[in-house]
C-alpha atoms as a PDB file:
ATOM      1  CA  MET A   1     -31.477 108.715 -13.973  1.00  0.00           C
ATOM      2  CA  ASN A   2     -32.404 106.763 -10.866  1.00  0.00           C
ATOM      3  CA  ALA A   3     -33.994 109.136  -8.308  1.00  0.00           C
ATOM      4  CA  ARG A   4     -33.692 106.746  -5.368  1.00  0.00           C
ATOM      5  CA  PRO A   5     -30.806 106.904  -2.882  1.00  0.00           C
ATOM      6  CA  GLN A   6     -27.889 105.117  -4.505  1.00  0.00           C
ATOM      7  CA  LEU A   7     -27.013 101.727  -3.077  1.00  0.00           C
ATOM      8  CA  LEU A   8     -24.511 100.562  -5.709  1.00  0.00           C
ATOM      9  CA  GLU A   9     -22.452 102.746  -8.050  1.00  0.00           C
ATOM     10  CA  LEU A  10     -20.038 101.677 -10.793  1.00  0.00           C
ATOM     11  CA  GLU A  11     -18.031 104.322 -12.628  1.00  0.00           C
ATOM     12  CA  SER A  12     -15.927 103.524 -15.718  1.00  0.00           C
ATOM     13  CA  VAL A  13     -15.296  99.970 -14.504  1.00  0.00           C
ATOM     14  CA  ARG A  14     -12.934  97.905 -16.640  1.00  0.00           C
ATOM     15  CA  LYS A  15     -11.703  94.371 -16.091  1.00  0.00           C
ATOM     16  CA  SER A  16      -8.855  92.652 -17.907  1.00  0.00           C
ATOM     17  CA  TYR A  17      -7.290  89.229 -17.548  1.00  0.00           C
ATOM     18  CA  GLY A  18      -3.989  87.835 -18.746  1.00  0.00           C
ATOM     19  CA  ASP A  19      -0.277  87.982 -18.074  1.00  0.00           C
ATOM     20  CA  GLY A  20       1.665  89.801 -20.772  1.00  0.00           C
ATOM     21  CA  VAL A  21      -1.080  89.671 -23.390  1.00  0.00           C
ATOM     22  CA  THR A  22      -4.234  90.938 -21.684  1.00  0.00           C
ATOM     23  CA  THR A  23      -7.851  90.641 -22.717  1.00  0.00           C
ATOM     24  CA  GLU A  24     -10.312  93.269 -21.562  1.00  0.00           C
ATOM     25  CA  ILE A  25     -13.655  91.715 -20.591  1.00  0.00           C
ATOM     26  CA  LEU A  26     -15.509  94.798 -19.345  1.00  0.00           C
ATOM     27  CA  HIS A  27     -15.136  98.107 -21.168  1.00  0.00           C
ATOM     28  CA  GLY A  28     -15.955 101.054 -18.958  1.00  0.00           C
ATOM     29  CA  ILE A  29     -19.177 100.043 -17.193  1.00  0.00           C
ATOM     30  CA  ASP A  30     -21.278 102.802 -15.636  1.00  0.00           C
ATOM     31  CA  LEU A  31     -24.377 101.790 -13.685  1.00  0.00           C
ATOM     32  CA  CYS A  32     -26.252 102.480 -10.483  1.00  0.00           C
ATOM     33  CA  ILE A  33     -28.771 100.555  -8.440  1.00  0.00           C
ATOM     34  CA  GLY A  34     -31.031 102.427  -6.062  1.00  0.00           C
ATOM     35  CA  GLU A  35     -32.388 101.261  -2.747  1.00  0.00           C
ATOM     36  CA  GLY A  36     -35.180  98.738  -3.145  1.00  0.00           C
ATOM     37  CA  GLU A  37     -34.864  98.304  -6.919  1.00  0.00           C
ATOM     38  CA  LEU A  38     -35.624  95.074  -8.745  1.00  0.00           C
ATOM     39  CA  VAL A  39     -33.157  94.949 -11.647  1.00  0.00           C
ATOM     40  CA  ALA A  40     -32.461  92.284 -14.261  1.00  0.00           C
ATOM     41  CA  LEU A  41     -29.062  91.866 -15.925  1.00  0.00           C
ATOM     42  CA  VAL A  42     -29.357  90.154 -19.314  1.00  0.00           C
ATOM     43  CA  GLY A  43     -27.064  89.365 -22.209  1.00  0.00           C
ATOM     44  CA  PRO A  44     -25.721  86.462 -24.244  1.00  0.00           C
ATOM     45  CA  SER A  45     -23.160  83.976 -22.941  1.00  0.00           C
ATOM     46  CA  GLY A  46     -19.712  85.534 -22.917  1.00  0.00           C
ATOM     47  CA  SER A  47     -21.030  89.070 -22.578  1.00  0.00           C
ATOM     48  CA  GLY A  48     -19.319  89.606 -19.213  1.00  0.00           C
ATOM     49  CA  LYS A  49     -22.280  89.114 -16.868  1.00  0.00           C
ATOM     50  CA  SER A  50     -20.440  86.740 -14.526  1.00  0.00           C
ATOM     51  CA  THR A  51     -17.355  88.955 -14.465  1.00  0.00           C
ATOM     52  CA  LEU A  52     -19.492  91.970 -13.614  1.00  0.00           C
ATOM     53  CA  LEU A  53     -21.348  90.059 -10.900  1.00  0.00           C
ATOM     54  CA  ASN A  54     -18.048  88.963  -9.336  1.00  0.00           C
ATOM     55  CA  LEU A  55     -16.925  92.586  -9.164  1.00  0.00           C
ATOM     56  CA  ILE A  56     -20.196  93.768  -7.652  1.00  0.00           C
ATOM     57  CA  GLY A  57     -20.073  90.843  -5.208  1.00  0.00           C
ATOM     58  CA  LEU A  58     -16.590  91.942  -4.077  1.00  0.00           C
ATOM     59  CA  LEU A  59     -15.147  88.604  -5.159  1.00  0.00           C
ATOM     60  CA  ASP A  60     -12.766  90.317  -7.595  1.00  0.00           C
ATOM     61  CA  GLN A  61     -11.336  93.787  -8.145  1.00  0.00           C
ATOM     62  CA  PRO A  62     -11.684  95.951 -11.262  1.00  0.00           C
ATOM     63  CA  THR A  63      -8.619  96.721 -13.338  1.00  0.00           C
ATOM     64  CA  GLN A  64      -9.788 100.331 -13.536  1.00  0.00           C
ATOM     65  CA  GLY A  65     -12.734 102.323 -12.288  1.00  0.00           C
ATOM     66  CA  ARG A  66     -14.665 102.800  -9.082  1.00  0.00           C
ATOM     67  CA  ILE A  67     -17.197 100.656  -7.226  1.00  0.00           C
ATOM     68  CA  ALA A  68     -19.033 102.008  -4.200  1.00  0.00           C
ATOM     69  CA  ILE A  69     -21.635 100.434  -1.921  1.00  0.00           C
ATOM     70  CA  GLU A  70     -23.759 102.926   0.003  1.00  0.00           C
ATOM     71  CA  GLY A  71     -21.184 105.554  -0.895  1.00  0.00           C
ATOM     72  CA  ARG A  72     -18.190 103.572   0.353  1.00  0.00           C
ATOM     73  CA  ALA A  73     -15.529 102.997  -2.300  1.00  0.00           C
ATOM     74  CA  VAL A  74     -14.200  99.437  -2.202  1.00  0.00           C
ATOM     75  CA  GLU A  75     -11.074  99.515  -4.387  1.00  0.00           C
ATOM     76  CA  ASN A  76      -8.638 100.207  -1.537  1.00  0.00           C
ATOM     77  CA  LEU A  77     -10.121  97.842   1.040  1.00  0.00           C
ATOM     78  CA  ASP A  78      -8.080  94.857   2.216  1.00  0.00           C
ATOM     79  CA  ASP A  79      -9.405  91.287   2.160  1.00  0.00           C
ATOM     80  CA  GLN A  80     -10.677  91.430   5.733  1.00  0.00           C
ATOM     81  CA  ALA A  81     -12.608  94.642   5.115  1.00  0.00           C
ATOM     82  CA  LEU A  82     -14.022  93.303   1.846  1.00  0.00           C
ATOM     83  CA  THR A  83     -15.197  90.124   3.566  1.00  0.00           C
ATOM     84  CA  ALA A  84     -16.882  92.132   6.321  1.00  0.00           C
ATOM     85  CA  LEU A  85     -18.558  94.463   3.820  1.00  0.00           C
ATOM     86  CA  ARG A  86     -19.724  91.523   1.700  1.00  0.00           C
ATOM     87  CA  GLY A  87     -21.264  89.811   4.714  1.00  0.00           C
ATOM     88  CA  GLU A  88     -23.022  92.960   5.899  1.00  0.00           C
ATOM     89  CA  LYS A  89     -24.274  94.457   2.645  1.00  0.00           C
ATOM     90  CA  LEU A  90     -24.703  91.595   0.153  1.00  0.00           C
ATOM     91  CA  GLY A  91     -26.714  88.408  -0.138  1.00  0.00           C
ATOM     92  CA  PHE A  92     -26.138  85.750  -2.805  1.00  0.00           C
ATOM     93  CA  ILE A  93     -28.460  83.343  -4.619  1.00  0.00           C
ATOM     94  CA  PHE A  94     -26.949  80.969  -7.172  1.00  0.00           C
ATOM     95  CA  GLN A  95     -28.340  78.832  -9.983  1.00  0.00           C
ATOM     96  CA  SER A  96     -27.402  75.764  -7.939  1.00  0.00           C
ATOM     97  CA  HIS A  97     -28.614  76.293  -4.393  1.00  0.00           C
ATOM     98  CA  HIS A  98     -25.302  75.206  -2.770  1.00  0.00           C
ATOM     99  CA  LEU A  99     -26.960  74.007   0.425  1.00  0.00           C
ATOM    100  CA  LEU A 100     -24.657  72.086   2.752  1.00  0.00           C
ATOM    101  CA  PRO A 101     -25.958  68.504   2.948  1.00  0.00           C
ATOM    102  CA  GLY A 102     -24.604  67.928   6.462  1.00  0.00           C
ATOM    103  CA  LEU A 103     -26.638  70.789   7.919  1.00  0.00           C
ATOM    104  CA  SER A 104     -30.379  70.938   8.479  1.00  0.00           C
ATOM    105  CA  VAL A 105     -32.528  73.331   6.472  1.00  0.00           C
ATOM    106  CA  ILE A 106     -32.665  75.888   9.281  1.00  0.00           C
ATOM    107  CA  GLU A 107     -28.909  75.609   9.868  1.00  0.00           C
ATOM    108  CA  ASN A 108     -28.316  76.356   6.195  1.00  0.00           C
ATOM    109  CA  VAL A 109     -30.425  79.496   6.537  1.00  0.00           C
ATOM    110  CA  MET A 110     -28.494  80.525   9.648  1.00  0.00           C
ATOM    111  CA  LEU A 111     -25.111  80.196   7.929  1.00  0.00           C
ATOM    112  CA  PRO A 112     -24.594  83.878   7.010  1.00  0.00           C
ATOM    113  CA  SER A 113     -25.225  84.948  10.594  1.00  0.00           C
ATOM    114  CA  ALA A 114     -23.073  82.131  11.931  1.00  0.00           C
ATOM    115  CA  ALA A 115     -20.225  83.225   9.672  1.00  0.00           C
ATOM    116  CA  ALA A 116     -20.550  86.832  10.826  1.00  0.00           C
ATOM    117  CA  ARG A 117     -20.767  85.957  14.533  1.00  0.00           C
ATOM    118  CA  GLY A 118     -18.246  83.140  14.680  1.00  0.00           C
ATOM    119  CA  GLY A 119     -20.689  80.270  15.161  1.00  0.00           C
ATOM    120  CA  PHE A 120     -24.311  79.226  15.507  1.00  0.00           C
ATOM    121  CA  GLN A 121     -26.306  80.930  18.268  1.00  0.00           C
ATOM    122  CA  THR A 122     -29.748  80.197  19.668  1.00  0.00           C
ATOM    123  CA  SER A 123     -30.872  83.749  18.870  1.00  0.00           C
ATOM    124  CA  MET A 124     -30.509  82.995  15.158  1.00  0.00           C
ATOM    125  CA  ARG A 125     -33.274  80.403  15.106  1.00  0.00           C
ATOM    126  CA  ALA A 126     -36.294  82.715  15.368  1.00  0.00           C
ATOM    127  CA  PRO A 127     -35.395  84.968  12.399  1.00  0.00           C
ATOM    128  CA  SER A 128     -34.355  81.910  10.371  1.00  0.00           C
ATOM    129  CA  LEU A 129     -37.675  80.189  11.041  1.00  0.00           C
ATOM    130  CA  ALA A 130     -39.559  83.380  10.155  1.00  0.00           C
ATOM    131  CA  LEU A 131     -37.807  83.431   6.773  1.00  0.00           C
ATOM    132  CA  LEU A 132     -38.609  79.764   6.178  1.00  0.00           C
ATOM    133  CA  ASP A 133     -42.233  80.442   7.076  1.00  0.00           C
ATOM    134  CA  ALA A 134     -42.264  83.258   4.524  1.00  0.00           C
ATOM    135  CA  MET A 135     -40.985  80.784   1.931  1.00  0.00           C
ATOM    136  CA  GLY A 136     -43.673  78.251   2.891  1.00  0.00           C
ATOM    137  CA  LEU A 137     -41.080  75.899   4.373  1.00  0.00           C
ATOM    138  CA  GLY A 138     -41.501  76.318   8.110  1.00  0.00           C
ATOM    139  CA  ARG A 139     -42.430  72.685   8.705  1.00  0.00           C
ATOM    140  CA  TRP A 140     -39.269  71.571   6.900  1.00  0.00           C
ATOM    141  CA  ALA A 141     -36.904  73.509   9.186  1.00  0.00           C
ATOM    142  CA  GLU A 142     -35.351  70.406  10.753  1.00  0.00           C
ATOM    143  CA  ALA A 143     -35.283  68.386   7.526  1.00  0.00           C
ATOM    144  CA  TRP A 144     -32.148  67.646   5.517  1.00  0.00           C
ATOM    145  CA  PRO A 145     -31.689  69.343   2.137  1.00  0.00           C
ATOM    146  CA  ARG A 146     -31.865  65.975   0.350  1.00  0.00           C
ATOM    147  CA  GLN A 147     -35.439  65.578   1.570  1.00  0.00           C
ATOM    148  CA  LEU A 148     -36.558  68.681  -0.361  1.00  0.00           C
ATOM    149  CA  SER A 149     -37.354  69.113  -4.027  1.00  0.00           C
ATOM    150  CA  GLY A 150     -35.166  71.312  -6.206  1.00  0.00           C
ATOM    151  CA  GLY A 151     -37.612  74.200  -5.998  1.00  0.00           C
ATOM    152  CA  MET A 152     -37.845  73.885  -2.227  1.00  0.00           C
ATOM    153  CA  GLN A 153     -34.066  73.872  -1.936  1.00  0.00           C
ATOM    154  CA  GLN A 154     -33.888  77.045  -4.002  1.00  0.00           C
ATOM    155  CA  ARG A 155     -36.414  78.675  -1.677  1.00  0.00           C
ATOM    156  CA  VAL A 156     -34.130  77.766   1.230  1.00  0.00           C
ATOM    157  CA  ALA A 157     -31.307  79.472  -0.664  1.00  0.00           C
ATOM    158  CA  VAL A 158     -33.465  82.602  -0.980  1.00  0.00           C
ATOM    159  CA  ALA A 159     -34.101  82.572   2.777  1.00  0.00           C
ATOM    160  CA  ARG A 160     -30.372  82.151   3.422  1.00  0.00           C
ATOM    161  CA  ALA A 161     -29.564  85.154   1.211  1.00  0.00           C
ATOM    162  CA  LEU A 162     -31.973  87.303   3.240  1.00  0.00           C
ATOM    163  CA  MET A 163     -30.788  86.145   6.670  1.00  0.00           C
ATOM    164  CA  ASN A 164     -28.552  89.123   7.422  1.00  0.00           C
ATOM    165  CA  GLU A 165     -31.065  91.575   5.924  1.00  0.00           C
ATOM    166  CA  PRO A 166     -28.619  92.773   3.253  1.00  0.00           C
ATOM    167  CA  PRO A 167     -29.589  95.889   1.307  1.00  0.00           C
ATOM    168  CA  LEU A 168     -28.624  94.169  -1.974  1.00  0.00           C
ATOM    169  CA  VAL A 169     -29.098  90.559  -3.083  1.00  0.00           C
ATOM    170  CA  LEU A 170     -27.213  89.277  -6.134  1.00  0.00           C
ATOM    171  CA  ALA A 171     -29.047  86.415  -7.839  1.00  0.00           C
ATOM    172  CA  ASP A 172     -27.110  84.517 -10.518  1.00  0.00           C
ATOM    173  CA  GLU A 173     -29.588  82.594 -12.695  1.00  0.00           C
ATOM    174  CA  PRO A 174     -31.685  81.745  -9.611  1.00  0.00           C
ATOM    175  CA  THR A 175     -34.355  79.975 -11.678  1.00  0.00           C
ATOM    176  CA  GLY A 176     -32.098  78.474 -14.341  1.00  0.00           C
ATOM    177  CA  ASN A 177     -32.360  74.882 -13.072  1.00  0.00           C
ATOM    178  CA  LEU A 178     -36.097  74.969 -12.407  1.00  0.00           C
ATOM    179  CA  ASP A 179     -39.142  74.105 -14.472  1.00  0.00           C
ATOM    180  CA  THR A 180     -41.404  76.936 -15.576  1.00  0.00           C
ATOM    181  CA  GLU A 181     -43.933  76.641 -12.760  1.00  0.00           C
ATOM    182  CA  THR A 182     -41.301  76.412 -10.019  1.00  0.00           C
ATOM    183  CA  SER A 183     -39.294  79.192 -11.662  1.00  0.00           C
ATOM    184  CA  ASP A 184     -42.329  81.455 -11.484  1.00  0.00           C
ATOM    185  CA  GLN A 185     -42.841  80.580  -7.818  1.00  0.00           C
ATOM    186  CA  VAL A 186     -39.248  81.416  -6.889  1.00  0.00           C
ATOM    187  CA  PHE A 187     -39.293  84.666  -8.852  1.00  0.00           C
ATOM    188  CA  ASP A 188     -42.601  85.641  -7.234  1.00  0.00           C
ATOM    189  CA  LEU A 189     -40.920  85.132  -3.838  1.00  0.00           C
ATOM    190  CA  LEU A 190     -38.082  87.456  -4.846  1.00  0.00           C
ATOM    191  CA  ARG A 191     -40.524  90.065  -6.090  1.00  0.00           C
ATOM    192  CA  GLN A 192     -42.620  89.760  -2.919  1.00  0.00           C
ATOM    193  CA  GLN A 193     -39.563  90.213  -0.710  1.00  0.00           C
ATOM    194  CA  ASN A 194     -38.617  93.239  -2.781  1.00  0.00           C
ATOM    195  CA  ALA A 195     -42.108  94.710  -2.374  1.00  0.00           C
ATOM    196  CA  ASP A 196     -42.279  93.992   1.358  1.00  0.00           C
ATOM    197  CA  SER A 197     -38.870  95.438   2.233  1.00  0.00           C
ATOM    198  CA  SER A 198     -36.218  97.829   0.981  1.00  0.00           C
ATOM    199  CA  THR A 199     -34.045  94.983  -0.279  1.00  0.00           C
ATOM    200  CA  ALA A 200     -32.732  95.554  -3.799  1.00  0.00           C
ATOM    201  CA  PHE A 201     -32.218  92.634  -6.186  1.00  0.00           C
ATOM    202  CA  LEU A 202     -29.882  92.333  -9.160  1.00  0.00           C
ATOM    203  CA  ILE A 203     -30.989  89.219 -11.036  1.00  0.00           C
ATOM    204  CA  VAL A 204     -28.783  87.762 -13.770  1.00  0.00           C
ATOM    205  CA  THR A 205     -30.972  85.795 -16.158  1.00  0.00           C
ATOM    206  CA  HIS A 206     -31.205  84.407 -19.676  1.00  0.00           C
ATOM    207  CA  ASP A 207     -34.990  84.421 -19.348  1.00  0.00           C
ATOM    208  CA  TRP A 208     -36.198  87.541 -21.113  1.00  0.00           C
ATOM    209  CA  ASP A 209     -39.771  86.957 -19.972  1.00  0.00           C
ATOM    210  CA  LEU A 210     -38.544  87.019 -16.367  1.00  0.00           C
ATOM    211  CA  ALA A 211     -36.462  90.127 -17.092  1.00  0.00           C
ATOM    212  CA  ARG A 212     -39.567  91.914 -18.335  1.00  0.00           C
ATOM    213  CA  ARG A 213     -41.172  91.386 -14.940  1.00  0.00           C
ATOM    214  CA  CYS A 214     -38.431  93.398 -13.254  1.00  0.00           C
ATOM    215  CA  GLU A 215     -38.522  97.119 -12.639  1.00  0.00           C
ATOM    216  CA  ARG A 216     -35.468  97.890 -14.768  1.00  0.00           C
ATOM    217  CA  VAL A 217     -33.263  95.963 -17.177  1.00  0.00           C
ATOM    218  CA  ILE A 218     -29.555  96.257 -17.927  1.00  0.00           C
ATOM    219  CA  GLU A 219     -28.396  94.528 -21.113  1.00  0.00           C
ATOM    220  CA  LEU A 220     -24.728  93.654 -21.483  1.00  0.00           C
ATOM    221  CA  VAL A 221     -23.185  92.734 -24.846  1.00  0.00           C
ATOM    222  CA  ASP A 222     -19.458  92.183 -25.435  1.00  0.00           C
ATOM    223  CA  GLY A 223     -18.535  93.748 -22.104  1.00  0.00           C
ATOM    224  CA  ALA A 224     -20.511  96.956 -22.577  1.00  0.00           C
ATOM    225  CA  VAL A 225     -23.943  98.165 -21.482  1.00  0.00           C
ATOM    226  CA  VAL A 226     -26.084  98.511 -24.616  1.00  0.00           C
ATOM    227  CA  TYR A 227     -29.422  99.116 -22.897  1.00  0.00           C
ATOM    228  CA  GLU A 228     -30.473 100.343 -19.479  1.00  0.00           C
ATOM    229  CA  GLY A 229     -34.060 101.223 -18.780  1.00  0.00           C
ATOM    230  CA  PRO A 230     -37.598  99.913 -18.346  1.00  0.00           C
ATOM    231  CA  PRO A 231     -38.475  96.453 -19.666  1.00  0.00           C
ATOM    232  CA  ALA A 232     -40.753  97.990 -22.285  1.00  0.00           C
ATOM    233  CA  GLY A 233     -37.679  99.233 -24.137  1.00  0.00           C
ATOM    234  CA  LEU A 234     -36.149  95.784 -24.616  1.00  0.00           C
ATOM    235  CA  ARG A 235     -35.858  94.320 -28.076  1.00  0.00           C
ATOM    236  CA  PRO A 236     -37.992  91.244 -28.859  1.00  0.00           C
ATOM    237  CA  ALA A 237     -36.824  88.156 -26.976  1.00  0.00           C
ATOM    238  CA  LYS A 238     -33.961  86.309 -28.598  1.00  0.00           C
ATOM    239  CA  GLN A 239     -32.352  82.946 -28.153  1.00  0.00           C
ATOM    240  CA  ASP A 240     -29.018  82.856 -26.329  1.00  0.00           C
END
């Protein structure tokens, strides 16, 4: 049982798709993430990881069950309220960085704040630059994304996810497109941010070595949680 204050709670969450003949993808998921936790979500392709991440990210609704963020149930919220909650409480890092090529590096970092406030504001530059400095990219603030390496672009994506100081960051294969050395650098940045702040991370990964460096691991197989606990309890690494 997680003794920390609960940030995210899922109770008996099920998700089905289909019209007429339905297929259930998630079968009664129960899990919690506490404030400031560093958690890995692992499992083979087709296990339901992406579906679960979409539900936690408020991009989809469960067929049954309850999801709450900081104690606030989300199932009855309308689209506007979900969008506001997502922007305030969640940050996102994807396998592909999804930087906008027509914006500078610092403008890409400012995007979450610009979306929340209805446009870019001068006051956003200082916190954005501080995040880029923390990522070792301060001198690239006015560069274009195409001028950066893949690893550098992913570090910009990390800074962007942290811009609004969300309590929870969802990272979907954030090192999947990177070589081993760069992957380690990006993960070390996530772990450092986790150690330096109360930001919690849920990291979806196929890399079991990376998962073992997290504080806790959740393993999903065929839409059900089959393991939840410390990395030491994981089975030997397997190929996906």
